[in-house]
Amino acid sequence: MQTKNNKKIPVILNCDTGIDDAVAILLAVKSKKLDIKLITTDVGNVDPVRSAKNTVNILELIDAPEIPVVRGDGKCFKKERARVAVHGDGGLGEYVFEDTKREVKDTNAVEEMYEALKASDKKVTVICMSPTTNLAKLLTKHKDAVSLIDRVVLMAGTIEEVSDTEMPYPEFNIATDPEAGEALFNSGVKIEIVPMEMGHTAYLDWQEVFKTKMTNLTGSVLEVVFRSYKDRHVKNGIATHDGCAVAYVTNPELFEVKPVNAKIKYFDSIKTGVLTMSFKEEPNCITCVKVNIPKFKNLYFKCLKKCK
């Protein structure tokens, strides 16, 4: 006989907890559809130490059950590159959180991921809302991890197709560590992409941010956090990239998907790599191409109302 927990989707969240990661963690915890085995922090918005602290602060804020949080080593897969901060100096805007008793495990994120995969009685979905550094290290060191992962849901890239002489937009999660992205795509693991267009179209406008503030204590904190979010594509509110990645797992009916050929291409002009997508070439994964915006926002507020 199955228990309720066995009906849930086992997941590992790999994040670089900034503002949209906070929304994603809220959706993941309050959806009640996920069995969150582990949260790992990676290179990205802020260093993994700060990101891990942000993660436990958000878990405390939303009154989440105890979920293991472990930080990565903060080193890119092969080559370090400059990073752009768009989530405030600390990753969660200007809000100052009180000290929490929740702890970050002082262990190795890659090994913790591997142990969580082996311990699960079902294959695990990894939701990657950050650069793929931890995943690249995992799949390179432990080849059998591919068989333990059901799929990697990756927030990355853009579905905008450009000519061979043009450069697609250098989306942050890939451009920060393209060699890690390349290792992921060459690993043989099943990949499903939630591109940046989903978070740019299902953004929370400032009226909805005000509604967030008025919902409850959690919303009042998030409103302060949201004020510092800077996304050049969204002028009237905050993007929800990572939240869309979680919603795709919990509520796939909100998304339209298509097969696509995705690969990493390097450009000398920016000294990094970009995730390119083509709907004309032989597909190697699937990508979201459309999100039901009203239903996504309904899901966000439904989960927010479950918070204190």
Foldseek 3Di string as FASTA:
>chain_A
DDDLQNQAAEEEEEEQAAQLVLLQVLLQQLLSRYDYAEYEYEAAQAAQVLSQQNVVLSCVQQVGDQHAYEYAPRDFQPDADDYDHQQPPSRQAPDDGDDDPRDHDDDHPLVSVVVSLVPDPAAHEYEYHAAQRSVLVNCVVPVCNLVSHQEYEYEFADQDADDPVDDGDATRNCQRHVVSVQSVLPSPHAYEYEYQVAQLVLFQFVVNLVVLCPLDPSSVSSSNSQVRGDDPSHDGGHGNRSNVSSCCVSPVVQFDKDFWAWHWDDDPVSRGIHIHIDNPDDGDHMYTDDGNNVVSSVSSVVSSNSGD
